[in-house]
Amino acid sequence: MSAPLSRQPADPTAHGIAQALGWFSIGLGVLEILAPRKMARTLGMPRARGVLAGYGVREIASGVGLLWAKDRRPWIWSRVGGDALDVATLATGLGRRNPQRGASGLAMAMVLGVTALDIFCAARLSAAPGRSVPVRDYSARTGWPHGAAAARGAAGDFRTPRDMRAPPGLRHLNGGSAQPT
């Protein structure tokens, strides 16, 4: 028998988070477009400056969509997809040959933090009213088919099978006798 379903409405602050992420996207996008060479050099990835500038355009588009679209869901999910690209790009800067791998690692940690926020917000927006996510309620479950009280002492007569016992020379380590039984 499965647990009853309850409906969980979307988090009312998800739209506020989406708006903040929209402004963050625009700011980051502008920075990536205006200073891709500096960012690439800081990360020890000088050949990535063109990629960073392209990512800036993507960030601005996501930010504008989050701020002005009626349905923010596709735009927040576009941020999640962009985060995957950012992580993949930054992973190339974590190699031992990169003298700036510490900066790349710090950037990776920041991107992963923002990715978690993006995923949280995307999930909450996707669970908007009318599109609620089913949540199973297992709070009354014990894991015992006849209840925990009926399970107490049920294994009191258990005897360890002979092939599962410790070898005679090691039984004293377990509080048992070293003599064969």
N, C-alpha and C. Protein backbone atom coordinates (compact mmCIF):
# COMPACT_ATOMS: atom_id res chain seq x y z
N MET A 1 0.85 -1.18 0.00
CA MET A 1 0.00 0.00 0.00
C MET A 1 0.89 1.24 0.00
N SER A 2 0.66 2.14 -0.93
CA SER A 2 1.51 3.32 -0.99
C SER A 2 0.97 4.43 -0.11
N ALA A 3 1.87 5.31 0.25
CA ALA A 3 1.51 6.43 1.11
C ALA A 3 0.66 7.42 0.34
N PRO A 4 -0.18 8.17 1.02
CA PRO A 4 -1.04 9.14 0.33
C PRO A 4 -0.21 10.27 -0.27
N LEU A 5 -0.75 10.83 -1.34
CA LEU A 5 -0.09 11.96 -1.99
C LEU A 5 -0.62 13.26 -1.42
N SER A 6 0.29 14.21 -1.26
CA SER A 6 -0.14 15.56 -0.92
C SER A 6 0.37 16.47 -2.02
N ARG A 7 -0.21 17.61 -2.16
CA ARG A 7 0.23 18.56 -3.19
C ARG A 7 0.98 19.69 -2.52
N GLN A 8 2.14 19.97 -3.07
CA GLN A 8 2.98 21.01 -2.51
C GLN A 8 3.01 22.19 -3.48
N PRO A 9 2.50 23.34 -3.08
CA PRO A 9 2.49 24.49 -3.99
C PRO A 9 3.90 25.06 -4.18
N ALA A 10 4.06 25.84 -5.23
CA ALA A 10 5.36 26.46 -5.51
C ALA A 10 5.74 27.42 -4.39
N ASP A 11 7.00 27.57 -4.19
CA ASP A 11 7.54 28.48 -3.19
C ASP A 11 7.23 29.92 -3.64
N PRO A 12 6.55 30.70 -2.80
CA PRO A 12 6.19 32.05 -3.23
C PRO A 12 7.40 32.95 -3.46
N THR A 13 8.56 32.60 -2.93
CA THR A 13 9.74 33.45 -3.15
C THR A 13 10.51 33.07 -4.42
N ALA A 14 10.07 32.02 -5.12
CA ALA A 14 10.80 31.57 -6.31
C ALA A 14 10.88 32.67 -7.36
N HIS A 15 9.81 33.45 -7.50
CA HIS A 15 9.85 34.54 -8.50
C HIS A 15 10.84 35.63 -8.09
N GLY A 16 10.94 35.90 -6.81
CA GLY A 16 11.93 36.87 -6.33
C GLY A 16 13.35 36.39 -6.57
N ILE A 17 13.58 35.10 -6.33
CA ILE A 17 14.91 34.53 -6.59
C ILE A 17 15.21 34.59 -8.08
N ALA A 18 14.21 34.27 -8.90
CA ALA A 18 14.40 34.32 -10.35
C ALA A 18 14.75 35.74 -10.80
N GLN A 19 14.10 36.73 -10.21
CA GLN A 19 14.40 38.12 -10.58
C GLN A 19 15.83 38.48 -10.18
N ALA A 20 16.25 38.07 -8.99
CA ALA A 20 17.63 38.35 -8.57
C ALA A 20 18.62 37.64 -9.49
N LEU A 21 18.31 36.41 -9.87
CA LEU A 21 19.19 35.68 -10.79
C LEU A 21 19.21 36.34 -12.16
N GLY A 22 18.10 36.95 -12.56
CA GLY A 22 18.07 37.68 -13.82
C GLY A 22 19.04 38.85 -13.82
N TRP A 23 19.01 39.64 -12.75
CA TRP A 23 19.95 40.76 -12.65
C TRP A 23 21.39 40.27 -12.56
N PHE A 24 21.60 39.18 -11.81
CA PHE A 24 22.94 38.59 -11.72
C PHE A 24 23.43 38.16 -13.10
N SER A 25 22.56 37.53 -13.89
CA SER A 25 22.93 37.10 -15.24
C SER A 25 23.34 38.27 -16.12
N ILE A 26 22.57 39.34 -16.04
CA ILE A 26 22.89 40.51 -16.87
C ILE A 26 24.23 41.09 -16.45
N GLY A 27 24.46 41.22 -15.16
CA GLY A 27 25.74 41.77 -14.68
C GLY A 27 26.92 40.89 -15.08
N LEU A 28 26.79 39.59 -14.90
CA LEU A 28 27.87 38.67 -15.27
C LEU A 28 28.08 38.68 -16.78
N GLY A 29 26.98 38.73 -17.54
CA GLY A 29 27.09 38.75 -18.99
C GLY A 29 27.82 39.99 -19.49
N VAL A 30 27.50 41.13 -18.91
CA VAL A 30 28.18 42.37 -19.30
C VAL A 30 29.67 42.26 -19.00
N LEU A 31 30.01 41.72 -17.84
CA LEU A 31 31.42 41.55 -17.47
C LEU A 31 32.12 40.61 -18.45
N GLU A 32 31.46 39.51 -18.83
CA GLU A 32 32.08 38.56 -19.75
C GLU A 32 32.25 39.16 -21.15
N ILE A 33 31.36 40.05 -21.54
CA ILE A 33 31.48 40.67 -22.86
C ILE A 33 32.53 41.78 -22.86
N LEU A 34 32.57 42.57 -21.78
CA LEU A 34 33.51 43.69 -21.72
C LEU A 34 34.94 43.29 -21.39
N ALA A 35 35.13 42.21 -20.64
CA ALA A 35 36.48 41.85 -20.21
C ALA A 35 36.77 40.36 -20.36
N PRO A 36 36.51 39.78 -21.54
CA PRO A 36 36.76 38.34 -21.67
C PRO A 36 38.25 37.99 -21.58
N ARG A 37 39.10 38.86 -22.10
CA ARG A 37 40.55 38.60 -22.07
C ARG A 37 41.06 38.59 -20.63
N LYS A 38 40.64 39.56 -19.84
CA LYS A 38 41.07 39.64 -18.43
C LYS A 38 40.56 38.43 -17.65
N MET A 39 39.29 38.06 -17.87
CA MET A 39 38.74 36.90 -17.17
C MET A 39 39.48 35.62 -17.56
N ALA A 40 39.73 35.45 -18.85
CA ALA A 40 40.42 34.25 -19.32
C ALA A 40 41.84 34.19 -18.75
N ARG A 41 42.51 35.32 -18.70
CA ARG A 41 43.87 35.37 -18.14
C ARG A 41 43.85 35.07 -16.65
N THR A 42 42.87 35.60 -15.93
CA THR A 42 42.75 35.36 -14.49
C THR A 42 42.53 33.88 -14.21
N LEU A 43 41.79 33.20 -15.08
CA LEU A 43 41.50 31.78 -14.90
C LEU A 43 42.61 30.89 -15.46
N GLY A 44 43.61 31.51 -16.10
CA GLY A 44 44.68 30.73 -16.71
C GLY A 44 44.24 29.99 -17.95
N MET A 45 43.24 30.54 -18.63
CA MET A 45 42.67 29.92 -19.82
C MET A 45 42.61 30.94 -20.95
N PRO A 46 43.77 31.43 -21.44
CA PRO A 46 43.78 32.54 -22.39
C PRO A 46 43.05 32.25 -23.70
N ARG A 47 42.97 30.99 -24.10
CA ARG A 47 42.28 30.67 -25.35
C ARG A 47 40.77 30.66 -25.21
N ALA A 48 40.24 30.83 -24.00
CA ALA A 48 38.80 30.76 -23.77
C ALA A 48 38.12 32.12 -23.86
N ARG A 49 38.84 33.17 -24.27
CA ARG A 49 38.22 34.50 -24.23
C ARG A 49 37.03 34.62 -25.17
N GLY A 50 37.09 33.99 -26.34
CA GLY A 50 35.96 34.02 -27.26
C GLY A 50 34.76 33.27 -26.69
N VAL A 51 35.03 32.15 -26.04
CA VAL A 51 33.97 31.38 -25.42
C VAL A 51 33.32 32.19 -24.30
N LEU A 52 34.14 32.87 -23.51
CA LEU A 52 33.60 33.68 -22.40
C LEU A 52 32.72 34.81 -22.93
N ALA A 53 33.13 35.44 -24.02
CA ALA A 53 32.31 36.50 -24.60
C ALA A 53 30.97 35.93 -25.09
N GLY A 54 31.00 34.76 -25.70
CA GLY A 54 29.76 34.10 -26.12
C GLY A 54 28.88 33.75 -24.94
N TYR A 55 29.51 33.29 -23.86
CA TYR A 55 28.75 32.99 -22.64
C TYR A 55 28.12 34.26 -22.07
N GLY A 56 28.78 35.39 -22.28
CA GLY A 56 28.21 36.66 -21.82
C GLY A 56 26.91 36.98 -22.53
N VAL A 57 26.86 36.72 -23.83
CA VAL A 57 25.63 36.95 -24.59
C VAL A 57 24.53 36.02 -24.05
N ARG A 58 24.88 34.77 -23.79
CA ARG A 58 23.92 33.82 -23.24
C ARG A 58 23.40 34.28 -21.88
N GLU A 59 24.29 34.77 -21.03
CA GLU A 59 23.89 35.24 -19.70
C GLU A 59 22.92 36.42 -19.80
N ILE A 60 23.22 37.36 -20.67
CA ILE A 60 22.34 38.52 -20.82
C ILE A 60 20.96 38.09 -21.33
N ALA A 61 20.94 37.18 -22.30
CA ALA A 61 19.65 36.70 -22.83
C ALA A 61 18.84 36.02 -21.72
N SER A 62 19.49 35.18 -20.92
CA SER A 62 18.79 34.51 -19.82
C SER A 62 18.29 35.53 -18.81
N GLY A 63 19.11 36.52 -18.51
CA GLY A 63 18.71 37.54 -17.54
C GLY A 63 17.53 38.36 -18.01
N VAL A 64 17.55 38.77 -19.26
CA VAL A 64 16.43 39.55 -19.81
C VAL A 64 15.16 38.70 -19.79
N GLY A 65 15.28 37.43 -20.18
CA GLY A 65 14.12 36.54 -20.14
C GLY A 65 13.56 36.38 -18.74
N LEU A 66 14.44 36.24 -17.75
CA LEU A 66 13.98 36.09 -16.37
C LEU A 66 13.28 37.35 -15.86
N LEU A 67 13.74 38.50 -16.31
CA LEU A 67 13.16 39.75 -15.82
C LEU A 67 11.85 40.12 -16.51
N TRP A 68 11.72 39.79 -17.80
CA TRP A 68 10.56 40.31 -18.53
C TRP A 68 9.57 39.27 -19.05
N ALA A 69 9.90 38.01 -19.01
CA ALA A 69 8.96 37.01 -19.52
C ALA A 69 7.88 36.70 -18.50
N LYS A 70 6.67 36.43 -18.97
CA LYS A 70 5.60 36.02 -18.07
C LYS A 70 5.90 34.65 -17.47
N ASP A 71 6.34 33.73 -18.31
CA ASP A 71 6.69 32.39 -17.86
C ASP A 71 8.21 32.32 -17.73
N ARG A 72 8.68 32.32 -16.51
CA ARG A 72 10.13 32.34 -16.26
C ARG A 72 10.77 30.96 -16.33
N ARG A 73 9.96 29.92 -16.37
CA ARG A 73 10.51 28.56 -16.32
C ARG A 73 11.53 28.26 -17.41
N PRO A 74 11.24 28.54 -18.69
CA PRO A 74 12.26 28.19 -19.69
C PRO A 74 13.55 28.98 -19.50
N TRP A 75 13.43 30.19 -18.98
CA TRP A 75 14.61 31.03 -18.81
C TRP A 75 15.48 30.57 -17.64
N ILE A 76 14.84 30.11 -16.56
CA ILE A 76 15.65 29.62 -15.44
C ILE A 76 16.29 28.28 -15.82
N TRP A 77 15.56 27.46 -16.59
CA TRP A 77 16.17 26.21 -17.04
C TRP A 77 17.30 26.47 -18.03
N SER A 78 17.22 27.57 -18.79
CA SER A 78 18.33 27.92 -19.68
C SER A 78 19.57 28.27 -18.85
N ARG A 79 19.35 28.86 -17.69
CA ARG A 79 20.48 29.13 -16.79
C ARG A 79 21.10 27.83 -16.30
N VAL A 80 20.27 26.86 -15.98
CA VAL A 80 20.80 25.56 -15.51
C VAL A 80 21.65 24.93 -16.62
N GLY A 81 21.16 24.97 -17.85
CA GLY A 81 21.94 24.45 -18.97
C GLY A 81 23.23 25.22 -19.16
N GLY A 82 23.16 26.53 -19.02
CA GLY A 82 24.37 27.36 -19.12
C GLY A 82 25.35 27.04 -18.01
N ASP A 83 24.84 26.74 -16.83
CA ASP A 83 25.72 26.36 -15.72
C ASP A 83 26.51 25.10 -16.07
N ALA A 84 25.85 24.16 -16.75
CA ALA A 84 26.55 22.93 -17.16
C ALA A 84 27.69 23.27 -18.11
N LEU A 85 27.46 24.19 -19.03
CA LEU A 85 28.52 24.62 -19.94
C LEU A 85 29.65 25.31 -19.17
N ASP A 86 29.29 26.16 -18.21
CA ASP A 86 30.30 26.85 -17.41
C ASP A 86 31.16 25.87 -16.64
N VAL A 87 30.53 24.85 -16.03
CA VAL A 87 31.27 23.85 -15.27
C VAL A 87 32.22 23.09 -16.19
N ALA A 88 31.73 22.70 -17.36
CA ALA A 88 32.58 21.97 -18.31
C ALA A 88 33.76 22.82 -18.76
N THR A 89 33.52 24.09 -19.01
CA THR A 89 34.60 24.99 -19.43
C THR A 89 35.61 25.19 -18.31
N LEU A 90 35.12 25.43 -17.11
CA LEU A 90 36.03 25.65 -15.97
C LEU A 90 36.82 24.39 -15.62
N ALA A 91 36.24 23.23 -15.89
CA ALA A 91 36.95 21.98 -15.59
C ALA A 91 38.24 21.88 -16.39
N THR A 92 38.27 22.47 -17.58
CA THR A 92 39.49 22.43 -18.39
C THR A 92 40.60 23.27 -17.75
N GLY A 93 40.25 24.19 -16.89
CA GLY A 93 41.25 25.03 -16.24
C GLY A 93 41.76 24.47 -14.92
N LEU A 94 41.31 23.28 -14.54
CA LEU A 94 41.72 22.71 -13.25
C LEU A 94 42.92 21.78 -13.38
N GLY A 95 43.49 21.68 -14.57
CA GLY A 95 44.64 20.79 -14.78
C GLY A 95 45.89 21.29 -14.09
N ARG A 96 46.82 20.38 -13.87
CA ARG A 96 48.07 20.71 -13.17
C ARG A 96 48.93 21.72 -13.93
N ARG A 97 48.78 21.77 -15.24
CA ARG A 97 49.60 22.70 -16.03
C ARG A 97 49.16 24.15 -15.90
N ASN A 98 47.96 24.38 -15.40
CA ASN A 98 47.44 25.74 -15.29
C ASN A 98 47.97 26.39 -14.01
N PRO A 99 48.80 27.42 -14.15
CA PRO A 99 49.32 28.08 -12.95
C PRO A 99 48.22 28.83 -12.17
N GLN A 100 47.09 29.07 -12.79
CA GLN A 100 45.97 29.77 -12.15
C GLN A 100 44.85 28.80 -11.77
N ARG A 101 45.18 27.52 -11.58
CA ARG A 101 44.11 26.55 -11.29
C ARG A 101 43.39 26.85 -9.98
N GLY A 102 44.06 27.55 -9.05
CA GLY A 102 43.38 27.96 -7.82
C GLY A 102 42.24 28.92 -8.12
N ALA A 103 42.48 29.84 -9.03
CA ALA A 103 41.43 30.79 -9.43
C ALA A 103 40.32 30.05 -10.18
N SER A 104 40.70 29.09 -11.01
CA SER A 104 39.69 28.29 -11.71
C SER A 104 38.87 27.47 -10.71
N GLY A 105 39.53 26.94 -9.69
CA GLY A 105 38.82 26.17 -8.66
C GLY A 105 37.85 27.04 -7.89
N LEU A 106 38.27 28.26 -7.57
CA LEU A 106 37.37 29.19 -6.87
C LEU A 106 36.18 29.55 -7.74
N ALA A 107 36.44 29.80 -9.02
CA ALA A 107 35.35 30.10 -9.95
C ALA A 107 34.41 28.90 -10.06
N MET A 108 34.97 27.69 -10.08
CA MET A 108 34.15 26.48 -10.16
C MET A 108 33.26 26.38 -8.91
N ALA A 109 33.81 26.64 -7.75
CA ALA A 109 33.02 26.57 -6.51
C ALA A 109 31.88 27.59 -6.55
N MET A 110 32.15 28.79 -7.05
CA MET A 110 31.10 29.80 -7.13
C MET A 110 30.03 29.40 -8.14
N VAL A 111 30.45 28.86 -9.28
CA VAL A 111 29.47 28.42 -10.29
C VAL A 111 28.62 27.29 -9.73
N LEU A 112 29.21 26.36 -9.01
CA LEU A 112 28.43 25.26 -8.43
C LEU A 112 27.43 25.76 -7.40
N GLY A 113 27.81 26.78 -6.64
CA GLY A 113 26.88 27.38 -5.69
C GLY A 113 25.69 28.03 -6.39
N VAL A 114 25.97 28.78 -7.44
CA VAL A 114 24.90 29.43 -8.19
C VAL A 114 24.06 28.37 -8.91
N THR A 115 24.71 27.29 -9.36
CA THR A 115 23.97 26.21 -10.02
C THR A 115 22.95 25.61 -9.06
N ALA A 116 23.35 25.40 -7.82
CA ALA A 116 22.41 24.87 -6.83
C ALA A 116 21.21 25.79 -6.67
N LEU A 117 21.46 27.09 -6.62
CA LEU A 117 20.37 28.06 -6.50
C LEU A 117 19.50 28.05 -7.76
N ASP A 118 20.13 27.95 -8.93
CA ASP A 118 19.36 27.88 -10.18
C ASP A 118 18.46 26.65 -10.21
N ILE A 119 19.00 25.50 -9.81
CA ILE A 119 18.21 24.27 -9.81
C ILE A 119 17.06 24.36 -8.81
N PHE A 120 17.34 24.89 -7.63
CA PHE A 120 16.29 25.07 -6.62
C PHE A 120 15.17 25.94 -7.18
N CYS A 121 15.56 27.07 -7.76
CA CYS A 121 14.57 28.01 -8.29
C CYS A 121 13.81 27.39 -9.46
N ALA A 122 14.50 26.69 -10.34
CA ALA A 122 13.84 26.06 -11.48
C ALA A 122 12.83 25.02 -11.02
N ALA A 123 13.20 24.24 -10.04
CA ALA A 123 12.28 23.22 -9.53
C ALA A 123 11.05 23.86 -8.90
N ARG A 124 11.25 24.93 -8.16
CA ARG A 124 10.11 25.60 -7.51
C ARG A 124 9.22 26.28 -8.54
N LEU A 125 9.81 26.90 -9.54
CA LEU A 125 8.99 27.54 -10.57
C LEU A 125 8.24 26.50 -11.39
N SER A 126 8.85 25.35 -11.60
CA SER A 126 8.19 24.28 -12.35
C SER A 126 7.04 23.67 -11.57
N ALA A 127 7.01 23.91 -10.27
CA ALA A 127 5.94 23.39 -9.41
C ALA A 127 4.92 24.49 -9.11
N ALA A 128 4.76 25.43 -10.03
CA ALA A 128 3.84 26.56 -9.83
C ALA A 128 2.40 26.05 -9.68
N PRO A 129 1.50 26.86 -9.10
CA PRO A 129 0.11 26.44 -8.94
C PRO A 129 -0.45 25.94 -10.27
N GLY A 130 -1.18 24.83 -10.18
CA GLY A 130 -1.69 24.20 -11.38
C GLY A 130 -0.72 23.19 -11.94
N ARG A 131 0.52 23.22 -11.47
CA ARG A 131 1.53 22.28 -11.90
C ARG A 131 2.24 21.73 -10.67
N SER A 132 1.47 21.42 -9.63
CA SER A 132 2.08 20.99 -8.38
C SER A 132 2.76 19.63 -8.52
N VAL A 133 3.75 19.43 -7.71
CA VAL A 133 4.55 18.22 -7.72
C VAL A 133 4.01 17.29 -6.64
N PRO A 134 3.71 16.03 -7.00
CA PRO A 134 3.23 15.11 -5.97
C PRO A 134 4.35 14.79 -4.98
N VAL A 135 4.01 14.80 -3.71
CA VAL A 135 4.96 14.49 -2.66
C VAL A 135 4.37 13.37 -1.81
N ARG A 136 5.07 12.27 -1.68
CA ARG A 136 4.58 11.15 -0.88
C ARG A 136 4.85 11.42 0.59
N ASP A 137 3.86 11.10 1.42
CA ASP A 137 3.99 11.30 2.86
C ASP A 137 4.32 9.97 3.53
N TYR A 138 5.55 9.82 3.96
CA TYR A 138 5.99 8.60 4.62
C TYR A 138 6.18 8.81 6.13
N SER A 139 5.65 9.85 6.67
CA SER A 139 5.91 10.17 8.08
C SER A 139 5.35 9.13 9.03
N ALA A 140 4.32 8.38 8.64
CA ALA A 140 3.74 7.38 9.53
C ALA A 140 4.37 5.99 9.31
N ARG A 141 5.34 5.89 8.42
CA ARG A 141 5.96 4.61 8.13
C ARG A 141 6.97 4.24 9.21
N THR A 142 7.01 2.94 9.58
CA THR A 142 8.00 2.45 10.53
C THR A 142 9.01 1.55 9.86
N GLY A 143 8.65 0.96 8.73
CA GLY A 143 9.53 0.01 8.07
C GLY A 143 9.26 -1.42 8.50
N TRP A 144 8.37 -1.61 9.46
CA TRP A 144 8.03 -2.94 9.94
C TRP A 144 6.58 -3.23 9.55
N PRO A 145 6.32 -4.34 8.85
CA PRO A 145 4.97 -4.62 8.37
C PRO A 145 3.94 -4.78 9.49
N HIS A 146 4.35 -5.27 10.66
CA HIS A 146 3.40 -5.47 11.76
C HIS A 146 3.69 -4.51 12.91
N GLY A 147 4.42 -3.44 12.65
CA GLY A 147 4.74 -2.45 13.66
C GLY A 147 6.05 -2.77 14.38
N ALA A 148 6.66 -1.75 14.94
CA ALA A 148 7.95 -1.91 15.61
C ALA A 148 7.82 -2.77 16.86
N ALA A 149 6.71 -2.67 17.59
CA ALA A 149 6.54 -3.45 18.82
C ALA A 149 6.55 -4.94 18.52
N ALA A 150 5.93 -5.35 17.43
CA ALA A 150 5.89 -6.77 17.07
C ALA A 150 7.27 -7.27 16.64
N ALA A 151 8.14 -6.39 16.18
CA ALA A 151 9.46 -6.79 15.73
C ALA A 151 10.45 -6.94 16.88
N ARG A 152 10.17 -6.32 18.00
CA ARG A 152 11.10 -6.39 19.14
C ARG A 152 11.22 -7.83 19.63
N GLY A 153 12.45 -8.29 19.75
CA GLY A 153 12.73 -9.62 20.25
C GLY A 153 12.51 -10.73 19.23
N ALA A 154 12.13 -10.39 18.00
CA ALA A 154 11.85 -11.40 16.99
C ALA A 154 13.07 -12.23 16.64
N ALA A 155 14.25 -11.68 16.79
CA ALA A 155 15.47 -12.41 16.45
C ALA A 155 16.18 -12.92 17.69
N GLY A 156 15.48 -13.02 18.81
CA GLY A 156 16.09 -13.46 20.06
C GLY A 156 16.61 -14.88 20.01
N ASP A 157 16.06 -15.71 19.16
CA ASP A 157 16.50 -17.10 19.07
C ASP A 157 17.49 -17.32 17.92
N PHE A 158 18.01 -16.25 17.34
CA PHE A 158 18.94 -16.37 16.22
C PHE A 158 20.26 -16.96 16.68
N ARG A 159 20.76 -17.90 15.93
CA ARG A 159 22.08 -18.50 16.16
C ARG A 159 22.90 -18.29 14.90
N THR A 160 24.11 -17.81 15.09
CA THR A 160 24.99 -17.57 13.95
C THR A 160 25.33 -18.90 13.28
N PRO A 161 25.11 -19.00 11.97
CA PRO A 161 25.47 -20.24 11.26
C PRO A 161 26.97 -20.52 11.39
N ARG A 162 27.31 -21.78 11.39
CA ARG A 162 28.69 -22.20 11.62
C ARG A 162 29.65 -21.56 10.61
N ASP A 163 29.25 -21.47 9.34
CA ASP A 163 30.15 -20.92 8.33
C ASP A 163 30.30 -19.41 8.41
N MET A 164 29.52 -18.74 9.27
CA MET A 164 29.63 -17.28 9.42
C MET A 164 30.36 -16.89 10.70
N ARG A 165 30.74 -17.87 11.51
CA ARG A 165 31.43 -17.59 12.76
C ARG A 165 32.88 -17.24 12.50
N ALA A 166 33.47 -16.50 13.44
CA ALA A 166 34.89 -16.17 13.35
C ALA A 166 35.71 -17.44 13.50
N PRO A 167 36.85 -17.51 12.84
CA PRO A 167 37.72 -18.67 13.01
C PRO A 167 38.11 -18.82 14.49
N PRO A 168 38.33 -20.03 14.95
CA PRO A 168 38.61 -20.24 16.37
C PRO A 168 39.74 -19.38 16.91
N GLY A 169 40.79 -19.15 16.13
CA GLY A 169 41.93 -18.37 16.61
C GLY A 169 41.62 -16.89 16.78
N LEU A 170 40.50 -16.41 16.22
CA LEU A 170 40.16 -14.99 16.31
C LEU A 170 38.95 -14.71 17.21
N ARG A 171 38.32 -15.74 17.73
CA ARG A 171 37.12 -15.54 18.53
C ARG A 171 37.37 -14.72 19.79
N HIS A 172 38.55 -14.81 20.34
CA HIS A 172 38.84 -14.06 21.56
C HIS A 172 38.80 -12.55 21.32
N LEU A 173 38.96 -12.11 20.08
CA LEU A 173 38.88 -10.69 19.76
C LEU A 173 37.45 -10.17 19.84
N ASN A 174 36.50 -11.06 19.75
CA ASN A 174 35.10 -10.70 19.78
C ASN A 174 34.45 -11.01 21.12
N GLY A 175 35.28 -11.28 22.12
CA GLY A 175 34.75 -11.57 23.44
C GLY A 175 34.42 -13.03 23.62
N GLY A 176 34.65 -13.84 22.58
CA GLY A 176 34.36 -15.26 22.67
C GLY A 176 35.58 -16.02 23.12
N SER A 177 35.44 -17.28 23.29
CA SER A 177 36.51 -18.17 23.73
C SER A 177 37.33 -18.59 22.53
N ALA A 178 38.64 -18.79 22.73
CA ALA A 178 39.51 -19.26 21.66
C ALA A 178 39.36 -20.76 21.49
N GLN A 179 38.67 -21.41 22.41
CA GLN A 179 38.47 -22.86 22.34
C GLN A 179 37.34 -23.15 21.35
N PRO A 180 37.48 -24.23 20.59
CA PRO A 180 36.37 -24.57 19.68
C PRO A 180 35.13 -24.96 20.43
N THR A 181 33.99 -24.60 19.89
CA THR A 181 32.71 -24.93 20.53
C THR A 181 31.94 -25.92 19.73
